[in-house]
Amino acid sequence: MSVRMSSFNRVTLLGNLTRDPELKRTKTGAAVTELGLAMNRSWNGENGERQEETTFVDVTVWGKTAENAAKYLQKGRSVLVEGRLQLDTWMDSKSGQNRSKLRVVAESLQFLGNNQQASDPGRNANSPGSHQGSPQGSNQGSQQGRPEGHYAQEPEYEMSGGDSGGYRR
């Protein structure tokens, strides 16, 4: 008898972009954008002194959401990201050691903060302010050659940057 353990992989982050998004394409033409996100935390230490720390996270965005992120977002802009954690592993070609990096794969992205789009009262859910990156509940998955409800990266995608934290599939 085997016991199946439940699991839940869901992340919600609110932070500021650390760099301008850059749109790339896979060999099959799928859009992908890598975002750098910074989240700040502050608290009072034991001595009453104000403490601060910043956490940096890489976020991968796919499809139409990636295209819109590259078109409408810029460094410093606040975004709300909902997605899942993914562990990427690769062999460092310089040292020969196995490397790994935890990243977020965005399934939903909301553009926040100052922008002409953000102050437009006529904006709706299909505007650049709110984008669903997950094919669940839409036909976006089948349009990109992915089965409904499946949000997987394409294996032929290769980030530039080599062994400096990028990954290969």
N, C-alpha and C. Protein backbone atom coordinates (compact mmCIF):
# COMPACT_ATOMS: atom_id res chain seq x y z
N MET A 1 0.84 -1.18 0.00
CA MET A 1 0.00 0.00 0.00
C MET A 1 0.89 1.24 0.00
N SER A 2 0.64 2.15 -0.92
CA SER A 2 1.43 3.37 -0.96
C SER A 2 0.57 4.55 -0.50
N VAL A 3 1.20 5.45 0.18
CA VAL A 3 0.52 6.64 0.68
C VAL A 3 0.96 7.81 -0.19
N ARG A 4 0.01 8.49 -0.74
CA ARG A 4 0.32 9.63 -1.60
C ARG A 4 0.20 10.91 -0.78
N MET A 5 1.28 11.67 -0.76
CA MET A 5 1.30 12.92 -0.02
C MET A 5 0.80 14.05 -0.91
N SER A 6 0.04 14.94 -0.35
CA SER A 6 -0.43 16.10 -1.08
C SER A 6 0.69 17.13 -1.16
N SER A 7 0.65 17.93 -2.20
CA SER A 7 1.60 19.03 -2.30
C SER A 7 0.91 20.23 -2.92
N PHE A 8 1.47 21.38 -2.67
CA PHE A 8 0.90 22.63 -3.15
C PHE A 8 2.05 23.54 -3.50
N ASN A 9 2.16 23.94 -4.74
CA ASN A 9 3.25 24.79 -5.20
C ASN A 9 2.66 26.07 -5.75
N ARG A 10 2.54 27.08 -4.90
CA ARG A 10 1.94 28.35 -5.28
C ARG A 10 2.70 29.48 -4.61
N VAL A 11 3.02 30.52 -5.38
CA VAL A 11 3.78 31.66 -4.87
C VAL A 11 3.07 32.94 -5.27
N THR A 12 2.97 33.89 -4.34
CA THR A 12 2.46 35.22 -4.63
C THR A 12 3.49 36.22 -4.14
N LEU A 13 3.98 37.06 -5.05
CA LEU A 13 5.01 38.04 -4.72
C LEU A 13 4.60 39.43 -5.20
N LEU A 14 4.93 40.43 -4.42
CA LEU A 14 4.73 41.82 -4.79
C LEU A 14 6.07 42.51 -4.63
N GLY A 15 6.58 43.07 -5.71
CA GLY A 15 7.89 43.71 -5.64
C GLY A 15 8.12 44.63 -6.81
N ASN A 16 9.36 45.08 -6.95
CA ASN A 16 9.74 46.01 -8.01
C ASN A 16 10.74 45.34 -8.96
N LEU A 17 10.60 45.66 -10.24
CA LEU A 17 11.51 45.09 -11.23
C LEU A 17 12.92 45.66 -11.06
N THR A 18 13.91 44.78 -11.13
CA THR A 18 15.31 45.20 -10.97
C THR A 18 15.96 45.56 -12.30
N ARG A 19 15.29 45.23 -13.41
CA ARG A 19 15.83 45.54 -14.74
C ARG A 19 14.67 45.58 -15.73
N ASP A 20 14.91 46.18 -16.88
CA ASP A 20 13.91 46.20 -17.93
C ASP A 20 13.72 44.78 -18.47
N PRO A 21 12.48 44.36 -18.68
CA PRO A 21 12.24 43.03 -19.26
C PRO A 21 12.74 42.98 -20.70
N GLU A 22 13.24 41.82 -21.10
CA GLU A 22 13.70 41.63 -22.47
C GLU A 22 12.99 40.42 -23.06
N LEU A 23 12.25 40.64 -24.13
CA LEU A 23 11.50 39.57 -24.78
C LEU A 23 12.44 38.71 -25.62
N LYS A 24 12.30 37.40 -25.46
CA LYS A 24 13.06 36.45 -26.27
C LYS A 24 12.07 35.46 -26.86
N ARG A 25 12.54 34.69 -27.83
CA ARG A 25 11.70 33.67 -28.47
C ARG A 25 12.42 32.33 -28.42
N THR A 26 11.64 31.26 -28.25
CA THR A 26 12.21 29.92 -28.33
C THR A 26 12.39 29.58 -29.81
N LYS A 27 12.99 28.45 -30.07
CA LYS A 27 13.17 28.01 -31.46
C LYS A 27 11.84 27.82 -32.17
N THR A 28 10.79 27.52 -31.41
CA THR A 28 9.47 27.34 -32.00
C THR A 28 8.66 28.63 -32.05
N GLY A 29 9.25 29.74 -31.58
CA GLY A 29 8.59 31.04 -31.66
C GLY A 29 7.82 31.46 -30.42
N ALA A 30 7.81 30.65 -29.37
CA ALA A 30 7.09 31.02 -28.14
C ALA A 30 7.79 32.19 -27.45
N ALA A 31 7.01 33.13 -26.96
CA ALA A 31 7.55 34.31 -26.27
C ALA A 31 7.90 33.96 -24.83
N VAL A 32 9.06 34.45 -24.38
CA VAL A 32 9.48 34.26 -22.99
C VAL A 32 10.22 35.51 -22.54
N THR A 33 9.95 35.93 -21.32
CA THR A 33 10.61 37.09 -20.72
C THR A 33 11.08 36.72 -19.33
N GLU A 34 12.29 37.12 -19.00
CA GLU A 34 12.84 36.92 -17.66
C GLU A 34 12.73 38.25 -16.92
N LEU A 35 12.13 38.22 -15.73
CA LEU A 35 12.02 39.41 -14.89
C LEU A 35 12.88 39.23 -13.65
N GLY A 36 13.52 40.29 -13.20
CA GLY A 36 14.18 40.32 -11.91
C GLY A 36 13.28 41.09 -10.96
N LEU A 37 12.96 40.49 -9.82
CA LEU A 37 12.03 41.09 -8.87
C LEU A 37 12.71 41.26 -7.52
N ALA A 38 12.55 42.43 -6.91
CA ALA A 38 13.11 42.71 -5.58
C ALA A 38 11.96 42.97 -4.62
N MET A 39 12.00 42.28 -3.47
CA MET A 39 11.02 42.48 -2.41
C MET A 39 11.76 42.95 -1.17
N ASN A 40 11.25 44.02 -0.55
CA ASN A 40 11.87 44.58 0.65
C ASN A 40 11.11 44.15 1.90
N ARG A 41 11.85 43.92 2.96
CA ARG A 41 11.28 43.57 4.26
C ARG A 41 11.96 44.44 5.31
N SER A 42 11.18 44.99 6.23
CA SER A 42 11.77 45.76 7.32
C SER A 42 11.09 45.36 8.63
N TRP A 43 11.86 45.44 9.70
CA TRP A 43 11.38 45.06 11.03
C TRP A 43 12.26 45.73 12.07
N ASN A 44 11.80 45.72 13.30
CA ASN A 44 12.58 46.24 14.41
C ASN A 44 13.33 45.08 15.05
N GLY A 45 14.65 45.22 15.17
CA GLY A 45 15.48 44.19 15.79
C GLY A 45 15.30 44.15 17.28
N GLU A 46 16.01 43.23 17.92
CA GLU A 46 15.90 43.07 19.37
C GLU A 46 16.30 44.34 20.11
N ASN A 47 17.23 45.10 19.56
CA ASN A 47 17.67 46.33 20.19
C ASN A 47 16.79 47.53 19.82
N GLY A 48 15.69 47.27 19.08
CA GLY A 48 14.77 48.33 18.69
C GLY A 48 15.20 49.06 17.43
N GLU A 49 16.35 48.72 16.90
CA GLU A 49 16.85 49.36 15.69
C GLU A 49 16.13 48.81 14.46
N ARG A 50 15.85 49.70 13.53
CA ARG A 50 15.17 49.31 12.29
C ARG A 50 16.10 48.47 11.42
N GLN A 51 15.64 47.28 11.00
CA GLN A 51 16.40 46.38 10.15
C GLN A 51 15.71 46.30 8.79
N GLU A 52 16.50 46.11 7.74
CA GLU A 52 15.95 45.96 6.40
C GLU A 52 16.70 44.88 5.65
N GLU A 53 15.99 44.17 4.77
CA GLU A 53 16.63 43.22 3.87
C GLU A 53 15.86 43.21 2.56
N THR A 54 16.56 42.90 1.50
CA THR A 54 15.95 42.80 0.17
C THR A 54 16.19 41.39 -0.35
N THR A 55 15.14 40.79 -0.88
CA THR A 55 15.23 39.47 -1.48
C THR A 55 15.02 39.62 -2.99
N PHE A 56 15.90 38.98 -3.75
CA PHE A 56 15.84 39.05 -5.21
C PHE A 56 15.40 37.70 -5.75
N VAL A 57 14.45 37.72 -6.69
CA VAL A 57 13.90 36.50 -7.28
C VAL A 57 13.81 36.68 -8.79
N ASP A 58 14.20 35.63 -9.52
CA ASP A 58 14.02 35.62 -10.97
C ASP A 58 12.66 35.02 -11.29
N VAL A 59 11.96 35.63 -12.25
CA VAL A 59 10.62 35.20 -12.64
C VAL A 59 10.62 34.98 -14.15
N THR A 60 10.10 33.83 -14.59
CA THR A 60 9.96 33.53 -16.01
C THR A 60 8.50 33.69 -16.40
N VAL A 61 8.27 34.43 -17.49
CA VAL A 61 6.92 34.70 -17.97
C VAL A 61 6.83 34.21 -19.41
N TRP A 62 5.73 33.55 -19.75
CA TRP A 62 5.56 32.95 -21.08
C TRP A 62 4.39 33.55 -21.84
N GLY A 63 4.39 33.40 -23.16
CA GLY A 63 3.25 33.71 -24.02
C GLY A 63 2.95 35.19 -24.14
N LYS A 64 1.67 35.49 -24.29
CA LYS A 64 1.20 36.87 -24.47
C LYS A 64 1.57 37.72 -23.25
N THR A 65 1.55 37.11 -22.08
CA THR A 65 1.92 37.84 -20.87
C THR A 65 3.38 38.30 -20.96
N ALA A 66 4.26 37.47 -21.50
CA ALA A 66 5.66 37.84 -21.68
C ALA A 66 5.78 39.00 -22.66
N GLU A 67 5.02 38.95 -23.74
CA GLU A 67 5.05 40.03 -24.73
C GLU A 67 4.60 41.35 -24.12
N ASN A 68 3.51 41.31 -23.34
CA ASN A 68 3.00 42.53 -22.70
C ASN A 68 3.94 43.05 -21.62
N ALA A 69 4.57 42.14 -20.88
CA ALA A 69 5.53 42.57 -19.86
C ALA A 69 6.68 43.32 -20.51
N ALA A 70 7.20 42.79 -21.61
CA ALA A 70 8.31 43.45 -22.30
C ALA A 70 7.88 44.79 -22.90
N LYS A 71 6.64 44.87 -23.31
CA LYS A 71 6.13 46.09 -23.95
C LYS A 71 5.81 47.20 -22.95
N TYR A 72 5.23 46.85 -21.80
CA TYR A 72 4.70 47.85 -20.89
C TYR A 72 5.49 48.05 -19.59
N LEU A 73 6.36 47.14 -19.23
CA LEU A 73 7.07 47.25 -17.95
C LEU A 73 8.47 47.79 -18.13
N GLN A 74 8.99 48.41 -17.08
CA GLN A 74 10.36 48.89 -17.07
C GLN A 74 10.90 48.79 -15.64
N LYS A 75 12.21 48.89 -15.54
CA LYS A 75 12.89 48.80 -14.25
C LYS A 75 12.24 49.73 -13.23
N GLY A 76 12.03 49.21 -12.01
CA GLY A 76 11.44 50.01 -10.94
C GLY A 76 9.94 49.84 -10.80
N ARG A 77 9.27 49.34 -11.81
CA ARG A 77 7.82 49.20 -11.80
C ARG A 77 7.40 48.10 -10.81
N SER A 78 6.33 48.35 -10.08
CA SER A 78 5.78 47.37 -9.15
C SER A 78 4.93 46.36 -9.90
N VAL A 79 5.08 45.09 -9.56
CA VAL A 79 4.27 44.04 -10.16
C VAL A 79 3.85 43.04 -9.09
N LEU A 80 2.70 42.44 -9.31
CA LEU A 80 2.21 41.35 -8.49
C LEU A 80 2.30 40.09 -9.32
N VAL A 81 3.04 39.11 -8.83
CA VAL A 81 3.27 37.86 -9.55
C VAL A 81 2.63 36.72 -8.78
N GLU A 82 1.87 35.89 -9.49
CA GLU A 82 1.38 34.64 -8.94
C GLU A 82 1.89 33.53 -9.83
N GLY A 83 2.41 32.48 -9.22
CA GLY A 83 2.96 31.40 -10.02
C GLY A 83 3.39 30.23 -9.17
N ARG A 84 4.39 29.50 -9.67
CA ARG A 84 4.88 28.30 -9.00
C ARG A 84 6.39 28.32 -8.96
N LEU A 85 6.96 27.62 -7.99
CA LEU A 85 8.41 27.49 -7.89
C LEU A 85 8.89 26.40 -8.84
N GLN A 86 10.07 26.62 -9.40
CA GLN A 86 10.69 25.61 -10.25
C GLN A 86 12.19 25.59 -9.96
N LEU A 87 12.74 24.40 -9.81
CA LEU A 87 14.17 24.25 -9.58
C LEU A 87 14.84 23.92 -10.91
N ASP A 88 15.76 24.78 -11.33
CA ASP A 88 16.53 24.55 -12.55
C ASP A 88 17.90 24.04 -12.15
N THR A 89 18.40 23.04 -12.86
CA THR A 89 19.73 22.49 -12.60
C THR A 89 20.52 22.44 -13.89
N TRP A 90 21.84 22.60 -13.78
CA TRP A 90 22.73 22.55 -14.92
C TRP A 90 24.13 22.25 -14.45
N MET A 91 25.00 21.89 -15.38
CA MET A 91 26.40 21.65 -15.06
C MET A 91 27.19 22.89 -15.45
N ASP A 92 27.94 23.44 -14.51
CA ASP A 92 28.80 24.59 -14.75
C ASP A 92 29.95 24.15 -15.65
N SER A 93 30.03 24.72 -16.84
CA SER A 93 31.06 24.28 -17.80
C SER A 93 32.47 24.67 -17.36
N LYS A 94 32.59 25.68 -16.52
CA LYS A 94 33.93 26.10 -16.06
C LYS A 94 34.45 25.22 -14.93
N SER A 95 33.59 24.95 -13.95
CA SER A 95 34.02 24.17 -12.78
C SER A 95 33.65 22.69 -12.88
N GLY A 96 32.69 22.35 -13.75
CA GLY A 96 32.24 20.98 -13.86
C GLY A 96 31.29 20.57 -12.75
N GLN A 97 30.92 21.50 -11.88
CA GLN A 97 30.03 21.20 -10.76
C GLN A 97 28.57 21.38 -11.16
N ASN A 98 27.72 20.58 -10.51
CA ASN A 98 26.28 20.75 -10.71
C ASN A 98 25.84 22.01 -9.98
N ARG A 99 24.99 22.77 -10.64
CA ARG A 99 24.45 24.00 -10.08
C ARG A 99 22.93 23.93 -10.10
N SER A 100 22.30 24.72 -9.25
CA SER A 100 20.84 24.78 -9.24
C SER A 100 20.39 26.18 -8.84
N LYS A 101 19.17 26.51 -9.24
CA LYS A 101 18.61 27.81 -8.93
C LYS A 101 17.09 27.68 -8.86
N LEU A 102 16.52 28.25 -7.82
CA LEU A 102 15.08 28.25 -7.65
C LEU A 102 14.54 29.52 -8.30
N ARG A 103 13.52 29.37 -9.13
CA ARG A 103 12.91 30.52 -9.78
C ARG A 103 11.40 30.40 -9.70
N VAL A 104 10.70 31.47 -10.08
CA VAL A 104 9.24 31.46 -10.13
C VAL A 104 8.83 31.45 -11.59
N VAL A 105 7.90 30.57 -11.95
CA VAL A 105 7.29 30.59 -13.27
C VAL A 105 5.93 31.25 -13.09
N ALA A 106 5.76 32.42 -13.71
CA ALA A 106 4.55 33.21 -13.52
C ALA A 106 3.37 32.58 -14.25
N GLU A 107 2.26 32.54 -13.56
CA GLU A 107 1.00 32.11 -14.16
C GLU A 107 0.04 33.29 -14.27
N SER A 108 0.30 34.34 -13.49
CA SER A 108 -0.49 35.56 -13.52
C SER A 108 0.42 36.72 -13.16
N LEU A 109 0.22 37.84 -13.82
CA LEU A 109 1.06 39.01 -13.59
C LEU A 109 0.19 40.25 -13.63
N GLN A 110 0.25 41.08 -12.60
CA GLN A 110 -0.47 42.35 -12.59
C GLN A 110 0.54 43.48 -12.54
N PHE A 111 0.36 44.45 -13.43
CA PHE A 111 1.22 45.62 -13.49
C PHE A 111 0.65 46.66 -12.55
N LEU A 112 1.47 47.12 -11.60
CA LEU A 112 1.04 48.10 -10.62
C LEU A 112 1.88 49.36 -10.74
N GLY A 113 1.56 50.37 -9.97
CA GLY A 113 2.40 51.57 -9.92
C GLY A 113 2.06 52.58 -10.99
N ASN A 114 2.97 53.54 -11.18
CA ASN A 114 2.74 54.66 -12.09
C ASN A 114 2.95 54.23 -13.54
N ASN A 115 1.99 54.56 -14.35
CA ASN A 115 2.08 54.35 -15.78
C ASN A 115 0.81 54.93 -16.38
N GLN A 116 0.85 55.38 -17.59
CA GLN A 116 -0.36 55.90 -18.22
C GLN A 116 -1.45 54.85 -18.22
N GLN A 117 -1.09 53.59 -18.44
CA GLN A 117 -2.07 52.51 -18.47
C GLN A 117 -2.73 52.36 -17.10
N ALA A 118 -1.96 52.51 -16.02
CA ALA A 118 -2.48 52.29 -14.67
C ALA A 118 -3.50 53.35 -14.29
N SER A 119 -3.41 54.56 -14.86
CA SER A 119 -4.34 55.62 -14.49
C SER A 119 -5.52 55.71 -15.45
N ASP A 120 -5.62 54.82 -16.43
CA ASP A 120 -6.69 54.84 -17.42
C ASP A 120 -7.94 54.20 -16.83
N PRO A 121 -9.00 54.99 -16.56
CA PRO A 121 -10.20 54.42 -15.96
C PRO A 121 -10.93 53.45 -16.89
N GLY A 122 -10.63 53.49 -18.18
CA GLY A 122 -11.29 52.60 -19.14
C GLY A 122 -10.61 51.24 -19.25
N ARG A 123 -9.55 51.01 -18.47
CA ARG A 123 -8.81 49.76 -18.56
C ARG A 123 -9.68 48.60 -18.07
N ASN A 124 -9.56 47.45 -18.73
CA ASN A 124 -10.30 46.28 -18.30
C ASN A 124 -9.35 45.11 -18.14
N ALA A 125 -9.87 43.93 -17.90
CA ALA A 125 -9.03 42.76 -17.63
C ALA A 125 -8.19 42.35 -18.83
N ASN A 126 -8.55 42.80 -20.03
CA ASN A 126 -7.76 42.45 -21.21
C ASN A 126 -6.70 43.48 -21.54
N SER A 127 -6.61 44.52 -20.71
CA SER A 127 -5.62 45.57 -20.94
C SER A 127 -4.29 45.17 -20.33
N PRO A 128 -3.24 45.97 -20.57
CA PRO A 128 -1.91 45.63 -20.07
C PRO A 128 -1.78 45.61 -18.56
N GLY A 129 -2.77 46.04 -17.81
CA GLY A 129 -2.65 46.06 -16.36
C GLY A 129 -2.79 44.71 -15.69
N SER A 130 -3.42 43.76 -16.35
CA SER A 130 -3.64 42.46 -15.73
C SER A 130 -3.55 41.39 -16.79
N HIS A 131 -2.68 40.41 -16.56
CA HIS A 131 -2.49 39.36 -17.55
C HIS A 131 -2.42 38.01 -16.89
N GLN A 132 -3.10 37.07 -17.48
CA GLN A 132 -3.05 35.70 -17.01
C GLN A 132 -2.06 34.95 -17.88
N GLY A 133 -1.02 34.40 -17.27
CA GLY A 133 -0.01 33.68 -18.02
C GLY A 133 -0.29 32.19 -18.08
N SER A 134 -1.28 31.72 -17.36
CA SER A 134 -1.57 30.29 -17.32
C SER A 134 -2.66 29.95 -18.30
N PRO A 135 -2.52 28.85 -19.00
CA PRO A 135 -3.56 28.46 -19.93
C PRO A 135 -4.79 27.89 -19.24
N GLN A 136 -4.74 27.66 -17.95
CA GLN A 136 -5.88 27.09 -17.26
C GLN A 136 -7.04 28.06 -17.33
N GLY A 137 -8.19 27.55 -17.73
CA GLY A 137 -9.36 28.39 -17.82
C GLY A 137 -9.42 29.16 -19.13
N SER A 138 -8.52 28.92 -20.05
CA SER A 138 -8.54 29.59 -21.34
C SER A 138 -8.05 28.61 -22.39
N ASN A 139 -8.02 29.06 -23.62
CA ASN A 139 -7.48 28.19 -24.66
C ASN A 139 -6.07 28.59 -25.04
N GLN A 140 -5.43 29.39 -24.21
CA GLN A 140 -4.07 29.85 -24.49
C GLN A 140 -3.10 28.68 -24.60
N GLY A 141 -3.27 27.64 -23.78
CA GLY A 141 -2.36 26.50 -23.82
C GLY A 141 -2.37 25.80 -25.17
N SER A 142 -3.56 25.54 -25.72
CA SER A 142 -3.62 24.84 -26.99
C SER A 142 -3.12 25.73 -28.12
N GLN A 143 -3.26 27.05 -28.01
CA GLN A 143 -2.76 27.94 -29.03
C GLN A 143 -1.24 27.91 -29.11
N GLN A 144 -0.58 27.59 -28.01
CA GLN A 144 0.87 27.55 -28.00
C GLN A 144 1.39 26.13 -28.16
N GLY A 145 0.52 25.19 -28.51
CA GLY A 145 0.97 23.82 -28.70
C GLY A 145 1.13 23.05 -27.40
N ARG A 146 0.61 23.58 -26.32
CA ARG A 146 0.67 22.90 -25.03
C ARG A 146 -0.70 22.36 -24.69
N PRO A 147 -0.78 21.22 -24.03
CA PRO A 147 -2.10 20.69 -23.65
C PRO A 147 -2.78 21.62 -22.65
N GLU A 148 -4.12 21.61 -22.66
CA GLU A 148 -4.89 22.41 -21.72
C GLU A 148 -4.45 22.12 -20.29
N GLY A 149 -4.28 23.16 -19.50
CA GLY A 149 -3.96 23.00 -18.09
C GLY A 149 -2.51 22.64 -17.83
N HIS A 150 -1.68 22.58 -18.84
CA HIS A 150 -0.28 22.22 -18.64
C HIS A 150 0.59 23.43 -18.95
N TYR A 151 1.41 23.83 -18.01
CA TYR A 151 2.22 25.02 -18.17
C TYR A 151 3.68 24.62 -18.03
N ALA A 152 4.26 24.11 -19.08
CA ALA A 152 5.64 23.64 -19.03
C ALA A 152 6.51 24.47 -19.95
N GLN A 153 7.75 24.65 -19.56
CA GLN A 153 8.68 25.37 -20.41
C GLN A 153 9.06 24.50 -21.59
N GLU A 154 9.40 25.14 -22.68
CA GLU A 154 9.79 24.40 -23.86
C GLU A 154 11.25 24.00 -23.76
N PRO A 155 11.58 22.76 -24.08
CA PRO A 155 12.93 22.26 -23.85
C PRO A 155 14.01 22.92 -24.70
N GLU A 156 13.66 23.50 -25.84
CA GLU A 156 14.72 24.07 -26.66
C GLU A 156 15.10 25.50 -26.27
N TYR A 157 14.46 26.04 -25.24
CA TYR A 157 14.78 27.38 -24.78
C TYR A 157 16.12 27.39 -24.07
N GLU A 158 16.97 28.36 -24.40
CA GLU A 158 18.26 28.49 -23.73
C GLU A 158 18.50 29.95 -23.42
N MET A 159 18.64 30.25 -22.14
CA MET A 159 18.89 31.62 -21.73
C MET A 159 20.29 32.03 -22.09
N SER A 160 20.44 33.30 -22.43
CA SER A 160 21.79 33.81 -22.60
C SER A 160 22.39 34.02 -21.22
N GLY A 161 23.67 34.17 -21.14
CA GLY A 161 24.30 34.40 -19.85
C GLY A 161 25.09 33.20 -19.39
N GLY A 162 25.03 32.12 -20.14
CA GLY A 162 25.86 30.95 -19.86
C GLY A 162 25.69 30.42 -18.45
N ASP A 163 26.80 30.27 -17.75
CA ASP A 163 26.78 29.66 -16.43
C ASP A 163 26.68 30.67 -15.30
N SER A 164 26.25 31.87 -15.59
CA SER A 164 26.16 32.88 -14.55
C SER A 164 24.77 32.87 -13.91
N GLY A 165 24.18 31.69 -13.78
CA GLY A 165 22.88 31.61 -13.14
C GLY A 165 21.78 31.30 -14.11
N GLY A 166 22.07 31.22 -15.40
CA GLY A 166 21.06 30.87 -16.39
C GLY A 166 20.84 29.37 -16.38
N TYR A 167 19.95 28.91 -17.22
CA TYR A 167 19.72 27.49 -17.29
C TYR A 167 19.55 27.07 -18.73
N ARG A 168 19.70 25.79 -18.96
CA ARG A 168 19.51 25.23 -20.28
C ARG A 168 18.50 24.09 -20.18
N ARG A 169 17.77 23.90 -21.21
CA ARG A 169 16.83 22.76 -21.29
C ARG A 169 17.24 21.92 -22.46
